[in-house]
Amino acid sequence: MMVVLSEAGKLLSSPQGSLVYHLLLLWALWFGWGMARGEWRRSRQEPAHRLLLAMGGLLLLRIVYVAGSLFASGGRVDPVVLLPPLEHAVDAASLALLAWAYMPPAWQRGRLWDQVLGAILLAIILGSAALAVFWSRELAVDGALSYNDHWQAIVGSAVQLGLAVLAIAAVLRSRPAGWGTLAAALLFAGLGAVAQLSFAPAAPHLPVWQRLANLVAYPLIAIAVYQQIIVGLRAHSREMQDISQASLDQIKSLLYLFEASQQTSSSLDMPTVLDNAVRGIARVLGADQCAIAFPEESNPGQMRRPMNSSTCSGHAVHPSERSDAGMIIIH
């Protein structure tokens, strides 16, 4: 197993392998960002907005590294000076974005996690810039130095491991749709940092073990985003079905009233008019029993239902039923 991983590491450290590595990561992140963008346009909810920003940030970080590689390849700066600190910074910032995207809301301070993320990203940017300056000075003194054997690489991998643990804790606490796949992706990212700290470097300046882990982690992240969106679409479909059913019930109620109105207006016979009116009311309300009562002439405080004014889905109300409650009696 270690022989296979070592050979894969050597492949990733070659120019062709590095190109394939970055293209695969860019493809996975572009795929995830496109799905997150579609989800945000559909739902316009805070989790979808946060996921869109996180996936866009991940994609932007990888584009920045590719741009830095192209800039270094132009001869304006030594790639050994620029790229190793930059890659560690990109990996650390990516894990911070993922932890922020799935962190449960802070109820007492709604923007707390935004502020924490801003502080972490600022620390990564300033710290990486300072470390790059120190690294360039030490490399100028001793050109045979290996970045993976340098204390800066150890610090970078330790920071990545801590952020991976934080991101896993956020996912396990919030448990969004596809959380198992996402936790597995972050676990691979954390294992890559552990391997980078534990095993002999496969290349002097590139975090090869971290790259191997990222090749598994980032496609899994895209799959987790897909799972989350599919679950959201299913929930939205169920909501639309419920709305459609409620609209259909309202339409049926209006049709019942319209039918009762037609039947009532087609006859001037009082018992027929009352019977049609009560029948329509019973059907609209879904009542078991329904009747119209009138005040007695001799005792206005008491109500009496006429003999032929009852309906209740086929069940008649007893003619002697009386009520002091009001004009319409419904059971």
C-alpha atoms as a PDB file:
ATOM      1  CA  MET A   1       0.000   0.000   0.000  1.00  0.00           C
ATOM      2  CA  MET A   2       2.751   2.417   0.907  1.00  0.00           C
ATOM      3  CA  VAL A   3       4.540   1.589  -2.330  1.00  0.00           C
ATOM      4  CA  VAL A   4       1.421   2.506  -4.325  1.00  0.00           C
ATOM      5  CA  LEU A   5       0.969   5.747  -2.396  1.00  0.00           C
ATOM      6  CA  SER A   6       4.635   6.585  -2.856  1.00  0.00           C
ATOM      7  CA  GLU A   7       4.393   6.087  -6.611  1.00  0.00           C
ATOM      8  CA  ALA A   8       1.210   8.172  -6.721  1.00  0.00           C
ATOM      9  CA  GLY A   9       3.024  10.859  -4.736  1.00  0.00           C
ATOM     10  CA  LYS A  10       5.860  10.912  -7.209  1.00  0.00           C
ATOM     11  CA  LEU A  11       3.344  11.256 -10.016  1.00  0.00           C
ATOM     12  CA  LEU A  12       1.627  14.184  -8.276  1.00  0.00           C
ATOM     13  CA  SER A  13       4.952  15.930  -7.760  1.00  0.00           C
ATOM     14  CA  SER A  14       5.688  15.919 -11.497  1.00  0.00           C
ATOM     15  CA  PRO A  15       4.537  18.863 -13.645  1.00  0.00           C
ATOM     16  CA  GLN A  16       2.036  16.701 -15.525  1.00  0.00           C
ATOM     17  CA  GLY A  17       0.678  15.223 -12.297  1.00  0.00           C
ATOM     18  CA  SER A  18       0.347  18.666 -10.724  1.00  0.00           C
ATOM     19  CA  LEU A  19      -1.605  19.876 -13.744  1.00  0.00           C
ATOM     20  CA  VAL A  20      -4.016  16.930 -13.572  1.00  0.00           C
ATOM     21  CA  TYR A  21      -4.381  17.420  -9.811  1.00  0.00           C
ATOM     22  CA  HIS A  22      -5.378  21.067 -10.102  1.00  0.00           C
ATOM     23  CA  LEU A  23      -7.705  20.411 -13.039  1.00  0.00           C
ATOM     24  CA  LEU A  24      -9.536  17.686 -11.091  1.00  0.00           C
ATOM     25  CA  LEU A  25      -9.945  19.935  -8.069  1.00  0.00           C
ATOM     26  CA  LEU A  26     -11.144  22.839 -10.199  1.00  0.00           C
ATOM     27  CA  TRP A  27     -13.662  20.593 -11.951  1.00  0.00           C
ATOM     28  CA  ALA A  28     -15.051  19.227  -8.674  1.00  0.00           C
ATOM     29  CA  LEU A  29     -15.331  22.703  -7.155  1.00  0.00           C
ATOM     30  CA  TRP A  30     -16.892  24.175 -10.293  1.00  0.00           C
ATOM     31  CA  PHE A  31     -19.457  21.399 -10.249  1.00  0.00           C
ATOM     32  CA  GLY A  32     -20.233  22.018  -6.571  1.00  0.00           C
ATOM     33  CA  TRP A  33     -20.416  25.791  -7.025  1.00  0.00           C
ATOM     34  CA  GLY A  34     -22.820  25.453  -9.948  1.00  0.00           C
ATOM     35  CA  MET A  35     -25.166  23.248  -7.904  1.00  0.00           C
ATOM     36  CA  ALA A  36     -24.956  25.586  -4.900  1.00  0.00           C
ATOM     37  CA  ARG A  37     -25.770  28.546  -7.150  1.00  0.00           C
ATOM     38  CA  GLY A  38     -28.847  26.774  -8.500  1.00  0.00           C
ATOM     39  CA  GLU A  39     -30.001  25.921  -4.974  1.00  0.00           C
ATOM     40  CA  TRP A  40     -29.565  29.519  -3.847  1.00  0.00           C
ATOM     41  CA  ARG A  41     -31.559  30.859  -6.806  1.00  0.00           C
ATOM     42  CA  ARG A  42     -34.363  28.405  -6.008  1.00  0.00           C
ATOM     43  CA  SER A  43     -34.652  28.672  -2.224  1.00  0.00           C
ATOM     44  CA  ARG A  44     -33.083  32.045  -1.277  1.00  0.00           C
ATOM     45  CA  GLN A  45     -32.434  30.712   2.237  1.00  0.00           C
ATOM     46  CA  GLU A  46     -29.487  31.399   4.541  1.00  0.00           C
ATOM     47  CA  PRO A  47     -27.960  27.853   4.442  1.00  0.00           C
ATOM     48  CA  ALA A  48     -28.020  27.903   0.639  1.00  0.00           C
ATOM     49  CA  HIS A  49     -26.455  31.376   0.592  1.00  0.00           C
ATOM     50  CA  ARG A  50     -23.694  30.283   2.950  1.00  0.00           C
ATOM     51  CA  LEU A  51     -23.036  27.150   0.889  1.00  0.00           C
ATOM     52  CA  LEU A  52     -22.839  29.235  -2.287  1.00  0.00           C
ATOM     53  CA  LEU A  53     -20.300  31.605  -0.725  1.00  0.00           C
ATOM     54  CA  ALA A  54     -18.244  28.706   0.652  1.00  0.00           C
ATOM     55  CA  MET A  55     -18.092  26.848  -2.659  1.00  0.00           C
ATOM     56  CA  GLY A  56     -17.294  30.080  -4.473  1.00  0.00           C
ATOM     57  CA  GLY A  57     -14.518  30.758  -1.972  1.00  0.00           C
ATOM     58  CA  LEU A  58     -13.050  27.284  -2.434  1.00  0.00           C
ATOM     59  CA  LEU A  59     -13.073  27.719  -6.193  1.00  0.00           C
ATOM     60  CA  LEU A  60     -11.493  31.179  -5.928  1.00  0.00           C
ATOM     61  CA  LEU A  61      -8.718  29.878  -3.657  1.00  0.00           C
ATOM     62  CA  ARG A  62      -7.755  27.194  -6.181  1.00  0.00           C
ATOM     63  CA  ILE A  63      -7.807  29.758  -8.994  1.00  0.00           C
ATOM     64  CA  VAL A  64      -5.490  31.959  -6.926  1.00  0.00           C
ATOM     65  CA  TYR A  65      -3.025  29.091  -6.541  1.00  0.00           C
ATOM     66  CA  VAL A  66      -3.132  28.313 -10.267  1.00  0.00           C
ATOM     67  CA  ALA A  67      -2.580  32.003 -11.015  1.00  0.00           C
ATOM     68  CA  GLY A  68       0.359  32.002  -8.599  1.00  0.00           C
ATOM     69  CA  SER A  69       1.817  28.969 -10.364  1.00  0.00           C
ATOM     70  CA  LEU A  70       1.536  30.691 -13.729  1.00  0.00           C
ATOM     71  CA  PHE A  71       3.059  33.848 -12.279  1.00  0.00           C
ATOM     72  CA  ALA A  72       5.991  31.883 -10.833  1.00  0.00           C
ATOM     73  CA  SER A  73       6.507  29.949 -14.050  1.00  0.00           C
ATOM     74  CA  GLY A  74       7.022  33.275 -15.835  1.00  0.00           C
ATOM     75  CA  GLY A  75      10.286  33.711 -13.981  1.00  0.00           C
ATOM     76  CA  ARG A  76       9.243  36.761 -11.953  1.00  0.00           C
ATOM     77  CA  VAL A  77       9.561  34.869  -8.677  1.00  0.00           C
ATOM     78  CA  ASP A  78      11.110  31.576  -7.639  1.00  0.00           C
ATOM     79  CA  PRO A  79       8.374  28.866  -7.497  1.00  0.00           C
ATOM     80  CA  VAL A  80      10.098  27.251  -4.504  1.00  0.00           C
ATOM     81  CA  VAL A  81       9.728  30.525  -2.585  1.00  0.00           C
ATOM     82  CA  LEU A  82       6.091  31.281  -3.497  1.00  0.00           C
ATOM     83  CA  LEU A  83       4.205  28.014  -4.031  1.00  0.00           C
ATOM     84  CA  PRO A  84       4.839  25.917  -0.878  1.00  0.00           C
ATOM     85  CA  PRO A  85       3.565  28.567   1.592  1.00  0.00           C
ATOM     86  CA  LEU A  86       0.756  29.466  -0.806  1.00  0.00           C
ATOM     87  CA  GLU A  87      -0.475  25.876  -1.107  1.00  0.00           C
ATOM     88  CA  HIS A  88      -0.543  25.399   2.669  1.00  0.00           C
ATOM     89  CA  ALA A  89      -2.454  28.667   3.008  1.00  0.00           C
ATOM     90  CA  VAL A  90      -4.997  27.625   0.353  1.00  0.00           C
ATOM     91  CA  ASP A  91      -5.597  24.252   2.021  1.00  0.00           C
ATOM     92  CA  ALA A  92      -6.038  25.862   5.451  1.00  0.00           C
ATOM     93  CA  ALA A  93      -8.387  28.582   4.178  1.00  0.00           C
ATOM     94  CA  SER A  94     -10.461  25.964   2.328  1.00  0.00           C
ATOM     95  CA  LEU A  95     -11.032  23.998   5.531  1.00  0.00           C
ATOM     96  CA  ALA A  96     -11.959  27.205   7.360  1.00  0.00           C
ATOM     97  CA  LEU A  97     -14.586  27.976   4.703  1.00  0.00           C
ATOM     98  CA  LEU A  98     -16.066  24.491   4.981  1.00  0.00           C
ATOM     99  CA  ALA A  99     -16.231  24.760   8.773  1.00  0.00           C
ATOM    100  CA  TRP A 100     -18.007  28.121   8.434  1.00  0.00           C
ATOM    101  CA  ALA A 101     -20.464  26.851   5.812  1.00  0.00           C
ATOM    102  CA  TYR A 102     -21.832  24.108   8.064  1.00  0.00           C
ATOM    103  CA  MET A 103     -21.488  25.732  11.475  1.00  0.00           C
ATOM    104  CA  PRO A 104     -24.853  25.811  13.314  1.00  0.00           C
ATOM    105  CA  PRO A 105     -26.318  29.305  13.769  1.00  0.00           C
ATOM    106  CA  ALA A 106     -25.125  31.265  16.784  1.00  0.00           C
ATOM    107  CA  TRP A 107     -28.465  32.315  18.245  1.00  0.00           C
ATOM    108  CA  GLN A 108     -27.146  34.900  20.689  1.00  0.00           C
ATOM    109  CA  ARG A 109     -24.850  36.564  18.137  1.00  0.00           C
ATOM    110  CA  GLY A 110     -26.089  35.997  14.617  1.00  0.00           C
ATOM    111  CA  ARG A 111     -22.879  37.155  12.852  1.00  0.00           C
ATOM    112  CA  LEU A 112     -20.458  35.463  15.254  1.00  0.00           C
ATOM    113  CA  TRP A 113     -19.254  32.784  12.829  1.00  0.00           C
ATOM    114  CA  ASP A 114     -18.808  35.373  10.076  1.00  0.00           C
ATOM    115  CA  GLN A 115     -16.512  37.322  12.362  1.00  0.00           C
ATOM    116  CA  VAL A 116     -14.622  34.168  13.368  1.00  0.00           C
ATOM    117  CA  LEU A 117     -14.146  33.214   9.716  1.00  0.00           C
ATOM    118  CA  GLY A 118     -12.909  36.708   8.875  1.00  0.00           C
ATOM    119  CA  ALA A 119     -10.393  36.567  11.707  1.00  0.00           C
ATOM    120  CA  ILE A 120      -9.151  33.106  10.649  1.00  0.00           C
ATOM    121  CA  LEU A 121      -8.768  34.106   7.005  1.00  0.00           C
ATOM    122  CA  LEU A 122      -6.983  37.318   7.959  1.00  0.00           C
ATOM    123  CA  ALA A 123      -4.600  35.377  10.201  1.00  0.00           C
ATOM    124  CA  ILE A 124      -3.916  32.877   7.413  1.00  0.00           C
ATOM    125  CA  ILE A 125      -3.215  35.611   4.865  1.00  0.00           C
ATOM    126  CA  LEU A 126      -0.945  37.687   7.102  1.00  0.00           C
ATOM    127  CA  GLY A 127       0.775  34.655   8.623  1.00  0.00           C
ATOM    128  CA  SER A 128       1.422  33.064   5.231  1.00  0.00           C
ATOM    129  CA  ALA A 129       2.847  36.309   3.860  1.00  0.00           C
ATOM    130  CA  ALA A 130       5.195  36.643   6.835  1.00  0.00           C
ATOM    131  CA  LEU A 131       6.227  32.982   6.661  1.00  0.00           C
ATOM    132  CA  ALA A 132       6.903  33.295   2.936  1.00  0.00           C
ATOM    133  CA  VAL A 133       9.287  36.178   3.625  1.00  0.00           C
ATOM    134  CA  PHE A 134      11.103  34.167   6.310  1.00  0.00           C
ATOM    135  CA  TRP A 135      11.239  31.135   4.037  1.00  0.00           C
ATOM    136  CA  SER A 136      12.731  33.128   1.163  1.00  0.00           C
ATOM    137  CA  ARG A 137      15.440  34.493   3.445  1.00  0.00           C
ATOM    138  CA  GLU A 138      16.364  31.080   4.820  1.00  0.00           C
ATOM    139  CA  LEU A 139      16.334  29.592   1.332  1.00  0.00           C
ATOM    140  CA  ALA A 140      18.689  32.337   0.158  1.00  0.00           C
ATOM    141  CA  VAL A 141      21.127  31.286   2.880  1.00  0.00           C
ATOM    142  CA  ASP A 142      20.781  27.544   2.287  1.00  0.00           C
ATOM    143  CA  GLY A 143      19.434  26.605  -1.132  1.00  0.00           C
ATOM    144  CA  ALA A 144      19.316  22.914  -0.232  1.00  0.00           C
ATOM    145  CA  LEU A 145      16.528  23.368   2.314  1.00  0.00           C
ATOM    146  CA  SER A 146      13.395  21.249   1.901  1.00  0.00           C
ATOM    147  CA  TYR A 147      10.129  22.991   2.762  1.00  0.00           C
ATOM    148  CA  ASN A 148       8.505  19.743   3.899  1.00  0.00           C
ATOM    149  CA  ASP A 149      11.311  19.300   6.456  1.00  0.00           C
ATOM    150  CA  HIS A 150      11.027  22.912   7.600  1.00  0.00           C
ATOM    151  CA  TRP A 151       9.139  23.945  10.730  1.00  0.00           C
ATOM    152  CA  GLN A 152       6.784  26.070   8.632  1.00  0.00           C
ATOM    153  CA  ALA A 153       5.387  22.982   6.913  1.00  0.00           C
ATOM    154  CA  ILE A 154       4.801  21.359  10.302  1.00  0.00           C
ATOM    155  CA  VAL A 155       2.916  24.433  11.506  1.00  0.00           C
ATOM    156  CA  GLY A 156       0.878  24.541   8.307  1.00  0.00           C
ATOM    157  CA  SER A 157      -0.135  20.870   8.527  1.00  0.00           C
ATOM    158  CA  ALA A 158      -1.011  21.249  12.223  1.00  0.00           C
ATOM    159  CA  VAL A 159      -3.264  24.229  11.427  1.00  0.00           C
ATOM    160  CA  GLN A 160      -4.959  22.243   8.668  1.00  0.00           C
ATOM    161  CA  LEU A 161      -5.538  19.331  11.031  1.00  0.00           C
ATOM    162  CA  GLY A 162      -7.124  21.621  13.619  1.00  0.00           C
ATOM    163  CA  LEU A 163      -9.407  23.238  11.037  1.00  0.00           C
ATOM    164  CA  ALA A 164     -10.390  19.814   9.683  1.00  0.00           C
ATOM    165  CA  VAL A 165     -11.391  18.720  13.191  1.00  0.00           C
ATOM    166  CA  LEU A 166     -13.391  21.941  13.605  1.00  0.00           C
ATOM    167  CA  ALA A 167     -15.148  21.390  10.280  1.00  0.00           C
ATOM    168  CA  ILE A 168     -16.012  17.775  11.171  1.00  0.00           C
ATOM    169  CA  ALA A 169     -17.431  18.935  14.506  1.00  0.00           C
ATOM    170  CA  ALA A 170     -19.568  21.545  12.710  1.00  0.00           C
ATOM    171  CA  VAL A 171     -20.919  18.952  10.275  1.00  0.00           C
ATOM    172  CA  LEU A 172     -21.681  16.419  13.008  1.00  0.00           C
ATOM    173  CA  ARG A 173     -23.480  19.071  15.038  1.00  0.00           C
ATOM    174  CA  SER A 174     -25.600  20.541  12.241  1.00  0.00           C
ATOM    175  CA  ARG A 175     -26.058  17.255  10.315  1.00  0.00           C
ATOM    176  CA  PRO A 176     -27.197  18.660   6.963  1.00  0.00           C
ATOM    177  CA  ALA A 177     -28.336  16.425   4.137  1.00  0.00           C
ATOM    178  CA  GLY A 178     -25.357  14.431   2.878  1.00  0.00           C
ATOM    179  CA  TRP A 179     -23.509  14.985   6.149  1.00  0.00           C
ATOM    180  CA  GLY A 180     -21.993  11.484   6.090  1.00  0.00           C
ATOM    181  CA  THR A 181     -20.312  12.071   2.740  1.00  0.00           C
ATOM    182  CA  LEU A 182     -19.152  15.502   3.842  1.00  0.00           C
ATOM    183  CA  ALA A 183     -17.729  14.169   7.111  1.00  0.00           C
ATOM    184  CA  ALA A 184     -15.854  11.490   5.163  1.00  0.00           C
ATOM    185  CA  ALA A 185     -14.373  14.167   2.875  1.00  0.00           C
ATOM    186  CA  LEU A 186     -13.192  16.234   5.828  1.00  0.00           C
ATOM    187  CA  LEU A 187     -11.817  13.119   7.490  1.00  0.00           C
ATOM    188  CA  PHE A 188      -9.696  12.443   4.406  1.00  0.00           C
ATOM    189  CA  ALA A 189      -8.463  16.038   4.496  1.00  0.00           C
ATOM    190  CA  GLY A 190      -7.494  15.623   8.140  1.00  0.00           C
ATOM    191  CA  LEU A 191      -5.777  12.300   7.444  1.00  0.00           C
ATOM    192  CA  GLY A 192      -3.791  14.010   4.714  1.00  0.00           C
ATOM    193  CA  ALA A 193      -2.490  16.516   7.264  1.00  0.00           C
ATOM    194  CA  VAL A 194      -1.642  13.660   9.656  1.00  0.00           C
ATOM    195  CA  ALA A 195       0.204  11.809   6.893  1.00  0.00           C
ATOM    196  CA  GLN A 196       2.057  14.965   5.984  1.00  0.00           C
ATOM    197  CA  LEU A 197       3.211  15.244   9.580  1.00  0.00           C
ATOM    198  CA  SER A 198       3.990  11.552  10.082  1.00  0.00           C
ATOM    199  CA  PHE A 199       5.469  10.160   6.882  1.00  0.00           C
ATOM    200  CA  ALA A 200       8.621  11.024   5.009  1.00  0.00           C
ATOM    201  CA  PRO A 201       7.974  13.633   2.337  1.00  0.00           C
ATOM    202  CA  ALA A 202       7.590  12.229  -1.168  1.00  0.00           C
ATOM    203  CA  ALA A 203       8.791  15.537  -2.638  1.00  0.00           C
ATOM    204  CA  PRO A 204      10.994  18.246  -1.119  1.00  0.00           C
ATOM    205  CA  HIS A 205       8.581  21.176  -1.436  1.00  0.00           C
ATOM    206  CA  LEU A 206       5.090  19.872  -2.318  1.00  0.00           C
ATOM    207  CA  PRO A 207       2.563  18.489   0.233  1.00  0.00           C
ATOM    208  CA  VAL A 208       2.117  15.257  -1.710  1.00  0.00           C
ATOM    209  CA  TRP A 209       0.244  13.371   1.029  1.00  0.00           C
ATOM    210  CA  GLN A 210      -2.172  16.271   1.391  1.00  0.00           C
ATOM    211  CA  ARG A 211      -2.708  16.281  -2.352  1.00  0.00           C
ATOM    212  CA  LEU A 212      -3.539  12.577  -2.334  1.00  0.00           C
ATOM    213  CA  ALA A 213      -6.113  13.208   0.384  1.00  0.00           C
ATOM    214  CA  ASN A 214      -7.559  16.191  -1.506  1.00  0.00           C
ATOM    215  CA  LEU A 215      -8.057  14.061  -4.602  1.00  0.00           C
ATOM    216  CA  VAL A 216     -10.543  12.034  -2.558  1.00  0.00           C
ATOM    217  CA  ALA A 217     -11.914  14.822  -0.366  1.00  0.00           C
ATOM    218  CA  TYR A 218     -12.944  17.400  -2.967  1.00  0.00           C
ATOM    219  CA  PRO A 219     -14.982  15.076  -5.214  1.00  0.00           C
ATOM    220  CA  LEU A 220     -16.713  13.860  -2.036  1.00  0.00           C
ATOM    221  CA  ILE A 221     -17.507  17.472  -1.152  1.00  0.00           C
ATOM    222  CA  ALA A 222     -19.122  17.943  -4.566  1.00  0.00           C
ATOM    223  CA  ILE A 223     -21.138  14.744  -4.034  1.00  0.00           C
ATOM    224  CA  ALA A 224     -22.256  15.981  -0.590  1.00  0.00           C
ATOM    225  CA  VAL A 225     -23.467  19.252  -2.127  1.00  0.00           C
ATOM    226  CA  TYR A 226     -25.393  17.245  -4.725  1.00  0.00           C
ATOM    227  CA  GLN A 227     -27.014  15.123  -2.007  1.00  0.00           C
ATOM    228  CA  GLN A 228     -27.971  18.212  -0.034  1.00  0.00           C
ATOM    229  CA  ILE A 229     -29.612  19.827  -3.059  1.00  0.00           C
ATOM    230  CA  ILE A 230     -31.495  16.665  -4.032  1.00  0.00           C
ATOM    231  CA  VAL A 231     -32.981  16.439  -0.532  1.00  0.00           C
ATOM    232  CA  GLY A 232     -33.965  20.101  -0.745  1.00  0.00           C
ATOM    233  CA  LEU A 233     -35.651  19.548  -4.109  1.00  0.00           C
ATOM    234  CA  ARG A 234     -37.616  16.616  -2.713  1.00  0.00           C
ATOM    235  CA  ALA A 235     -38.799  18.694   0.226  1.00  0.00           C
ATOM    236  CA  HIS A 236     -39.768  21.503  -2.149  1.00  0.00           C
ATOM    237  CA  SER A 237     -41.682  19.015  -4.297  1.00  0.00           C
ATOM    238  CA  ARG A 238     -43.630  17.793  -1.262  1.00  0.00           C
ATOM    239  CA  GLU A 239     -44.457  21.386  -0.301  1.00  0.00           C
ATOM    240  CA  MET A 240     -45.747  22.076  -3.810  1.00  0.00           C
ATOM    241  CA  GLN A 241     -47.906  18.926  -3.667  1.00  0.00           C
ATOM    242  CA  ASP A 242     -49.397  20.060  -0.365  1.00  0.00           C
ATOM    243  CA  ILE A 243     -50.099  23.504  -1.802  1.00  0.00           C
ATOM    244  CA  SER A 244     -51.706  21.947  -4.878  1.00  0.00           C
ATOM    245  CA  GLN A 245     -53.916  19.729  -2.724  1.00  0.00           C
ATOM    246  CA  ALA A 246     -54.997  22.694  -0.590  1.00  0.00           C
ATOM    247  CA  SER A 247     -55.808  24.696  -3.739  1.00  0.00           C
ATOM    248  CA  LEU A 248     -57.808  21.755  -5.109  1.00  0.00           C
ATOM    249  CA  ASP A 249     -59.814  21.541  -1.885  1.00  0.00           C
ATOM    250  CA  GLN A 250     -60.578  25.259  -2.058  1.00  0.00           C
ATOM    251  CA  ILE A 251     -61.697  24.923  -5.664  1.00  0.00           C
ATOM    252  CA  LYS A 252     -63.999  22.036  -4.727  1.00  0.00           C
ATOM    253  CA  SER A 253     -65.475  24.134  -1.930  1.00  0.00           C
ATOM    254  CA  LEU A 254     -66.178  26.972  -4.361  1.00  0.00           C
ATOM    255  CA  LEU A 255     -67.789  24.539  -6.785  1.00  0.00           C
ATOM    256  CA  TYR A 256     -69.993  23.188  -4.006  1.00  0.00           C
ATOM    257  CA  LEU A 257     -71.110  26.720  -3.145  1.00  0.00           C
ATOM    258  CA  PHE A 258     -71.716  27.506  -6.802  1.00  0.00           C
ATOM    259  CA  GLU A 259     -73.774  24.334  -7.198  1.00  0.00           C
ATOM    260  CA  ALA A 260     -75.787  25.144  -4.075  1.00  0.00           C
ATOM    261  CA  SER A 261     -76.352  28.679  -5.370  1.00  0.00           C
ATOM    262  CA  GLN A 262     -77.645  27.330  -8.690  1.00  0.00           C
ATOM    263  CA  GLN A 263     -79.961  24.849  -7.003  1.00  0.00           C
ATOM    264  CA  THR A 264     -81.259  27.533  -4.646  1.00  0.00           C
ATOM    265  CA  SER A 265     -81.933  30.063  -7.391  1.00  0.00           C
ATOM    266  CA  SER A 266     -83.706  27.432  -9.560  1.00  0.00           C
ATOM    267  CA  SER A 267     -86.579  27.110  -7.094  1.00  0.00           C
ATOM    268  CA  LEU A 268     -88.696  29.565  -5.120  1.00  0.00           C
ATOM    269  CA  ASP A 269     -90.089  26.883  -2.830  1.00  0.00           C
ATOM    270  CA  MET A 270     -88.855  27.761   0.684  1.00  0.00           C
ATOM    271  CA  PRO A 271     -88.202  24.163   1.907  1.00  0.00           C
ATOM    272  CA  THR A 272     -86.280  23.394  -1.288  1.00  0.00           C
ATOM    273  CA  VAL A 273     -84.255  26.602  -0.987  1.00  0.00           C
ATOM    274  CA  LEU A 274     -83.379  25.872   2.631  1.00  0.00           C
ATOM    275  CA  ASP A 275     -82.537  22.242   1.933  1.00  0.00           C
ATOM    276  CA  ASN A 276     -80.190  23.161  -0.953  1.00  0.00           C
ATOM    277  CA  ALA A 277     -78.522  25.877   1.102  1.00  0.00           C
ATOM    278  CA  VAL A 278     -77.901  23.585   4.058  1.00  0.00           C
ATOM    279  CA  ARG A 279     -76.691  20.781   1.775  1.00  0.00           C
ATOM    280  CA  GLY A 280     -74.127  23.084   0.172  1.00  0.00           C
ATOM    281  CA  ILE A 281     -72.918  24.405   3.516  1.00  0.00           C
ATOM    282  CA  ALA A 282     -72.516  20.872   4.858  1.00  0.00           C
ATOM    283  CA  ARG A 283     -70.487  19.789   1.827  1.00  0.00           C
ATOM    284  CA  VAL A 284     -68.208  22.843   2.001  1.00  0.00           C
ATOM    285  CA  LEU A 285     -67.550  22.531   5.721  1.00  0.00           C
ATOM    286  CA  GLY A 286     -67.359  18.736   5.687  1.00  0.00           C
ATOM    287  CA  ALA A 287     -69.890  18.706   8.555  1.00  0.00           C
ATOM    288  CA  ASP A 288     -71.663  15.572   9.741  1.00  0.00           C
ATOM    289  CA  GLN A 289     -74.818  17.532  10.558  1.00  0.00           C
ATOM    290  CA  CYS A 290     -76.000  20.951   9.494  1.00  0.00           C
ATOM    291  CA  ALA A 291     -79.313  22.798   9.863  1.00  0.00           C
ATOM    292  CA  ILE A 292     -80.829  26.268   9.598  1.00  0.00           C
ATOM    293  CA  ALA A 293     -83.017  27.372  12.493  1.00  0.00           C
ATOM    294  CA  PHE A 294     -85.422  30.303  12.851  1.00  0.00           C
ATOM    295  CA  PRO A 295     -86.658  32.084  15.979  1.00  0.00           C
ATOM    296  CA  GLU A 296     -90.080  31.002  17.211  1.00  0.00           C
ATOM    297  CA  GLU A 297     -92.793  33.615  16.908  1.00  0.00           C
ATOM    298  CA  SER A 298     -94.064  33.019  20.439  1.00  0.00           C
ATOM    299  CA  ASN A 299     -90.592  32.863  21.993  1.00  0.00           C
ATOM    300  CA  PRO A 300     -87.923  34.824  20.010  1.00  0.00           C
ATOM    301  CA  GLY A 301     -85.208  33.662  22.386  1.00  0.00           C
ATOM    302  CA  GLN A 302     -85.615  30.062  21.189  1.00  0.00           C
ATOM    303  CA  MET A 303     -84.730  28.630  17.752  1.00  0.00           C
ATOM    304  CA  ARG A 304     -86.529  25.910  15.812  1.00  0.00           C
ATOM    305  CA  ARG A 305     -85.341  24.102  12.687  1.00  0.00           C
ATOM    306  CA  PRO A 306     -87.911  23.633   9.898  1.00  0.00           C
ATOM    307  CA  MET A 307     -88.769  20.030   8.985  1.00  0.00           C
ATOM    308  CA  ASN A 308     -87.281  20.077   5.464  1.00  0.00           C
ATOM    309  CA  SER A 309     -84.172  22.205   6.007  1.00  0.00           C
ATOM    310  CA  SER A 310     -81.693  19.551   7.058  1.00  0.00           C
ATOM    311  CA  THR A 311     -78.809  17.799   5.415  1.00  0.00           C
ATOM    312  CA  CYS A 312     -75.679  16.162   6.699  1.00  0.00           C
ATOM    313  CA  SER A 313     -74.036  13.932   4.121  1.00  0.00           C
ATOM    314  CA  GLY A 314     -77.056  11.681   4.072  1.00  0.00           C
ATOM    315  CA  HIS A 315     -77.929  11.912   7.812  1.00  0.00           C
ATOM    316  CA  ALA A 316     -80.985  13.944   8.835  1.00  0.00           C
ATOM    317  CA  VAL A 317     -81.224  16.046  11.971  1.00  0.00           C
ATOM    318  CA  HIS A 318     -84.105  15.217  14.307  1.00  0.00           C
ATOM    319  CA  PRO A 319     -87.032  17.632  13.586  1.00  0.00           C
ATOM    320  CA  SER A 320     -87.422  18.530  17.255  1.00  0.00           C
ATOM    321  CA  GLU A 321     -83.795  19.716  17.609  1.00  0.00           C
ATOM    322  CA  ARG A 322     -83.621  23.146  19.173  1.00  0.00           C
ATOM    323  CA  SER A 323     -80.774  25.521  19.931  1.00  0.00           C
ATOM    324  CA  ASP A 324     -80.300  28.831  21.638  1.00  0.00           C
ATOM    325  CA  ALA A 325     -76.898  29.324  19.960  1.00  0.00           C
ATOM    326  CA  GLY A 326     -77.773  31.048  16.697  1.00  0.00           C
ATOM    327  CA  MET A 327     -79.252  30.911  13.239  1.00  0.00           C
ATOM    328  CA  ILE A 328     -77.164  28.037  11.839  1.00  0.00           C
ATOM    329  CA  ILE A 329     -76.654  24.773  13.694  1.00  0.00           C
ATOM    330  CA  ILE A 330     -73.684  22.647  12.647  1.00  0.00           C
ATOM    331  CA  HIS A 331     -72.469  19.414  14.246  1.00  0.00           C
END
